[in-house]
Amino acid sequence: MPRRVWRWVVAGWVAVVLAGGAYTLYLDDSTSPTPEPRRWERAPSPSDAPVPCPTTRTGEAAPTAHSCTHWQRS
């Protein structure tokens, strides 16, 4: 390709990159306050006490319950 075509290709690429960066900065309005989460984004907080792991009859932790402590949603 002639050198002139490559210059136009590079100039077009630079223009697209600059336009994309400007559009990104336009969409990212950092001065506005953070909006409250929508209803479907608000998850209930976990309960205060974790649910204990299941145990065997002897009182030891079950083999499949290794590191199983988790919080149950209220």
C-alpha atoms as a PDB file:
ATOM      1  CA  MET A   1       0.000   0.000   0.000  1.00  0.00           C
ATOM      2  CA  PRO A   2       1.214   3.468  -0.639  1.00  0.00           C
ATOM      3  CA  ARG A   3       2.472   5.495   2.275  1.00  0.00           C
ATOM      4  CA  ARG A   4      -0.394   7.970   1.914  1.00  0.00           C
ATOM      5  CA  VAL A   5      -2.993   5.246   2.561  1.00  0.00           C
ATOM      6  CA  TRP A   6      -1.176   4.118   5.700  1.00  0.00           C
ATOM      7  CA  ARG A   7      -1.172   7.678   6.985  1.00  0.00           C
ATOM      8  CA  TRP A   8      -4.951   7.849   6.551  1.00  0.00           C
ATOM      9  CA  VAL A   9      -5.356   4.496   8.287  1.00  0.00           C
ATOM     10  CA  VAL A  10      -3.238   5.629  11.239  1.00  0.00           C
ATOM     11  CA  ALA A  11      -4.991   9.006  11.390  1.00  0.00           C
ATOM     12  CA  GLY A  12      -8.377   7.256  11.364  1.00  0.00           C
ATOM     13  CA  TRP A  13      -7.277   4.867  14.102  1.00  0.00           C
ATOM     14  CA  VAL A  14      -6.030   7.751  16.258  1.00  0.00           C
ATOM     15  CA  ALA A  15      -9.321   9.601  15.707  1.00  0.00           C
ATOM     16  CA  VAL A  16     -11.323   6.535  16.764  1.00  0.00           C
ATOM     17  CA  VAL A  17      -9.174   6.036  19.878  1.00  0.00           C
ATOM     18  CA  LEU A  18      -9.517   9.692  20.880  1.00  0.00           C
ATOM     19  CA  ALA A  19     -13.271   9.655  20.271  1.00  0.00           C
ATOM     20  CA  GLY A  20     -13.615   6.469  22.333  1.00  0.00           C
ATOM     21  CA  GLY A  21     -11.623   7.983  25.183  1.00  0.00           C
ATOM     22  CA  ALA A  22     -13.700  11.160  25.121  1.00  0.00           C
ATOM     23  CA  TYR A  23     -16.908   9.127  25.089  1.00  0.00           C
ATOM     24  CA  THR A  24     -15.664   7.059  28.037  1.00  0.00           C
ATOM     25  CA  LEU A  25     -14.891  10.204  30.021  1.00  0.00           C
ATOM     26  CA  TYR A  26     -18.300  11.605  29.082  1.00  0.00           C
ATOM     27  CA  LEU A  27     -20.062   8.478  30.362  1.00  0.00           C
ATOM     28  CA  ASP A  28     -17.976   8.295  33.551  1.00  0.00           C
ATOM     29  CA  ASP A  29     -19.394  11.270  35.415  1.00  0.00           C
ATOM     30  CA  SER A  30     -17.269  11.150  38.553  1.00  0.00           C
ATOM     31  CA  THR A  31     -18.750  14.333  40.018  1.00  0.00           C
ATOM     32  CA  SER A  32     -22.243  12.939  40.421  1.00  0.00           C
ATOM     33  CA  PRO A  33     -23.141  11.200  43.693  1.00  0.00           C
ATOM     34  CA  THR A  34     -23.269   7.435  43.702  1.00  0.00           C
ATOM     35  CA  PRO A  35     -26.882   6.372  43.160  1.00  0.00           C
ATOM     36  CA  GLU A  36     -28.651   4.158  45.647  1.00  0.00           C
ATOM     37  CA  PRO A  37     -28.832   0.501  44.637  1.00  0.00           C
ATOM     38  CA  ARG A  38     -31.973  -0.518  42.806  1.00  0.00           C
ATOM     39  CA  ARG A  39     -34.490  -2.789  44.500  1.00  0.00           C
ATOM     40  CA  TRP A  40     -33.141  -5.908  42.776  1.00  0.00           C
ATOM     41  CA  GLU A  41     -29.558  -4.986  43.727  1.00  0.00           C
ATOM     42  CA  ARG A  42     -30.236  -4.693  47.460  1.00  0.00           C
ATOM     43  CA  ALA A  43     -29.503  -8.004  49.139  1.00  0.00           C
ATOM     44  CA  PRO A  44     -30.471  -8.546  52.753  1.00  0.00           C
ATOM     45  CA  SER A  45     -27.566  -8.483  55.154  1.00  0.00           C
ATOM     46  CA  PRO A  46     -26.388 -11.815  56.536  1.00  0.00           C
ATOM     47  CA  SER A  47     -27.379 -12.843  60.028  1.00  0.00           C
ATOM     48  CA  ASP A  48     -24.966 -12.137  62.858  1.00  0.00           C
ATOM     49  CA  ALA A  49     -24.218 -15.747  63.802  1.00  0.00           C
ATOM     50  CA  PRO A  50     -22.849 -18.276  61.323  1.00  0.00           C
ATOM     51  CA  VAL A  51     -24.693 -21.544  60.816  1.00  0.00           C
ATOM     52  CA  PRO A  52     -22.652 -24.333  62.436  1.00  0.00           C
ATOM     53  CA  CYS A  53     -21.232 -27.138  60.349  1.00  0.00           C
ATOM     54  CA  PRO A  54     -23.052 -30.466  60.319  1.00  0.00           C
ATOM     55  CA  THR A  55     -21.511 -32.982  62.678  1.00  0.00           C
ATOM     56  CA  THR A  56     -21.307 -36.732  62.910  1.00  0.00           C
ATOM     57  CA  ARG A  57     -22.821 -38.678  65.784  1.00  0.00           C
ATOM     58  CA  THR A  58     -19.572 -38.492  67.736  1.00  0.00           C
ATOM     59  CA  GLY A  59     -19.585 -34.708  67.580  1.00  0.00           C
ATOM     60  CA  GLU A  60     -16.751 -34.363  65.077  1.00  0.00           C
ATOM     61  CA  ALA A  61     -17.149 -32.342  61.914  1.00  0.00           C
ATOM     62  CA  ALA A  62     -18.519 -34.335  59.003  1.00  0.00           C
ATOM     63  CA  PRO A  63     -15.938 -35.135  56.289  1.00  0.00           C
ATOM     64  CA  THR A  64     -17.810 -33.096  53.679  1.00  0.00           C
ATOM     65  CA  ALA A  65     -18.245 -30.165  56.063  1.00  0.00           C
ATOM     66  CA  HIS A  66     -14.611 -29.080  56.121  1.00  0.00           C
ATOM     67  CA  SER A  67     -14.548 -25.273  56.376  1.00  0.00           C
ATOM     68  CA  CYS A  68     -18.278 -25.049  55.821  1.00  0.00           C
ATOM     69  CA  THR A  69     -19.238 -22.252  58.191  1.00  0.00           C
ATOM     70  CA  HIS A  70     -21.410 -19.787  56.321  1.00  0.00           C
ATOM     71  CA  TRP A  71     -23.899 -17.062  57.064  1.00  0.00           C
ATOM     72  CA  GLN A  72     -27.549 -17.605  56.381  1.00  0.00           C
ATOM     73  CA  ARG A  73     -29.527 -14.766  54.825  1.00  0.00           C
ATOM     74  CA  SER A  74     -32.169 -13.343  57.122  1.00  0.00           C
END
